[in-house]
Protein backbone atom coordinates (compact mmCIF):
# COMPACT_ATOMS: atom_id res chain seq x y z
CA MET A 1 2.26 67.48 -19.72
CA VAL A 2 3.28 66.79 -16.14
CA ILE A 3 3.00 63.28 -14.78
CA ARG A 4 3.22 63.00 -11.02
CA VAL A 5 4.38 59.55 -10.12
CA GLY A 6 4.02 58.72 -6.45
CA ALA A 7 2.42 62.02 -5.45
CA PRO A 8 -0.47 60.36 -3.54
CA LYS A 9 2.00 58.25 -1.54
CA VAL A 10 4.08 61.32 -0.71
CA MET A 11 0.95 63.14 0.50
CA GLY A 12 0.02 60.13 2.60
CA ASP A 13 3.50 60.09 4.11
CA VAL A 14 3.34 63.81 4.91
CA GLN A 15 -0.10 63.41 6.49
CA GLU A 16 1.12 60.51 8.62
CA LEU A 17 4.14 62.52 9.83
CA ALA A 18 1.88 65.46 10.69
CA ARG A 19 -0.52 63.19 12.59
CA GLN A 20 2.34 61.81 14.68
CA HIS A 21 2.86 65.33 16.05
CA ALA A 22 -0.82 66.26 16.39
CA SER A 23 -1.21 65.84 20.15
CA ARG A 24 1.95 67.86 20.90
CA VAL A 25 0.88 70.55 18.45
CA ILE A 26 -2.55 70.85 20.07
CA VAL A 27 -0.88 71.22 23.46
CA GLU A 28 1.35 73.97 22.03
CA LEU A 29 -1.64 75.75 20.49
CA ALA A 30 -3.38 75.66 23.88
CA ARG A 31 -0.26 77.08 25.55
CA LEU A 32 -0.04 79.87 22.98
CA ALA A 33 -3.75 80.62 23.31
CA LEU A 34 -3.29 81.24 27.03
CA LYS A 35 0.26 82.56 27.40
CA ALA A 36 1.56 84.08 24.15
CA LYS A 37 2.77 87.65 24.63
CA SER A 38 1.35 88.71 21.28
CA GLU A 39 -2.41 89.19 21.17
CA THR A 40 -2.31 88.27 17.48
CA ALA A 41 -0.64 84.96 18.30
CA ARG A 42 -3.19 84.23 21.06
CA ILE A 43 -6.11 84.97 18.74
CA ALA A 44 -4.65 82.80 15.96
CA ALA A 45 -4.07 79.90 18.37
CA ILE A 46 -7.57 80.24 19.82
CA ARG A 47 -9.08 80.27 16.32
CA GLU A 48 -7.13 77.16 15.31
CA LEU A 49 -8.20 75.28 18.44
CA LEU A 50 -11.87 76.21 18.01
CA ASP A 51 -11.83 75.34 14.30
CA ARG A 52 -10.42 71.90 15.07
CA GLY A 53 -12.67 71.28 18.05
CA TYR A 54 -15.96 72.57 16.64
CA GLY A 55 -15.38 73.10 12.92
CA ARG A 56 -15.41 76.37 11.09
CA PRO A 57 -18.54 78.51 11.34
CA ARG A 58 -20.94 78.37 8.44
CA LEU A 59 -20.94 81.28 6.06
CA ALA A 60 -24.17 83.24 5.85
CA MET A 61 -25.46 84.63 2.59
CA GLU A 62 -28.11 87.28 2.14
CA VAL A 63 -30.22 87.20 -1.01
CA SER A 64 -32.67 89.90 -2.10
CA VAL A 65 -35.52 89.08 -4.48
CA PRO A 66 -38.88 90.78 -5.13
CA ALA A 67 -41.60 89.96 -2.54
CA ASP A 68 -43.98 88.46 -5.11
CA ASN A 69 -41.26 86.21 -6.53
CA PRO A 70 -41.84 82.42 -6.13
CA LEU A 71 -38.15 82.08 -5.29
CA GLN A 72 -38.66 84.40 -2.31
CA LEU A 73 -41.52 82.23 -1.06
CA LEU A 74 -39.31 79.15 -1.32
CA LEU A 75 -36.43 80.89 0.49
CA ASP A 76 -38.81 82.02 3.25
CA GLU A 77 -40.09 78.48 3.69
CA ILE A 78 -36.57 77.05 3.84
CA ASP A 79 -35.59 79.69 6.39
CA ALA A 80 -38.65 78.96 8.54
CA ARG A 81 -38.04 75.21 8.47
CA SER A 82 -34.37 75.61 9.38
CA ARG A 83 -35.36 77.60 12.46
CA ILE A 84 -37.78 74.95 13.81
CA GLU A 85 -36.07 71.68 12.84
CA ALA A 86 -33.64 70.12 15.29
CA PRO A 87 -30.02 70.22 14.17
CA VAL A 88 -28.68 67.03 12.59
CA SER A 89 -26.08 65.26 14.71
CA HIS A 90 -23.05 63.94 12.86
CA THR A 91 -21.76 61.79 15.72
CA PRO A 92 -22.10 58.02 15.34
CA ASP A 93 -24.48 56.29 17.74
C-alpha cells in the first residue's frame, strides 16, 4: 500500500510555478510557430497555441446500425437537431 502524503500540495506548487511562466511560454510558442527552422517544431507550436486558445477539436464518431433500427432513428434526430441548434456559449455574461 502506498500512501502519498502531501501529493496534492506538491501538485499545487508545481502548477503555480508553471503558471508563473505561462505568459513567457506563450510568447516563446508564438515565436517558434513563426520562426522555427524545423517544420515539425512550427507545427507543434502552432498546435499548442491553437489548443490553448480554442480548445482541442471534438472527436467525431461514426456509428452504423440497420435503417429500421429505433436507435438509428434516435441518432438521426440528434444529428438533425445538432445541425439546427445554435452552439452553446461557455463564456460568462
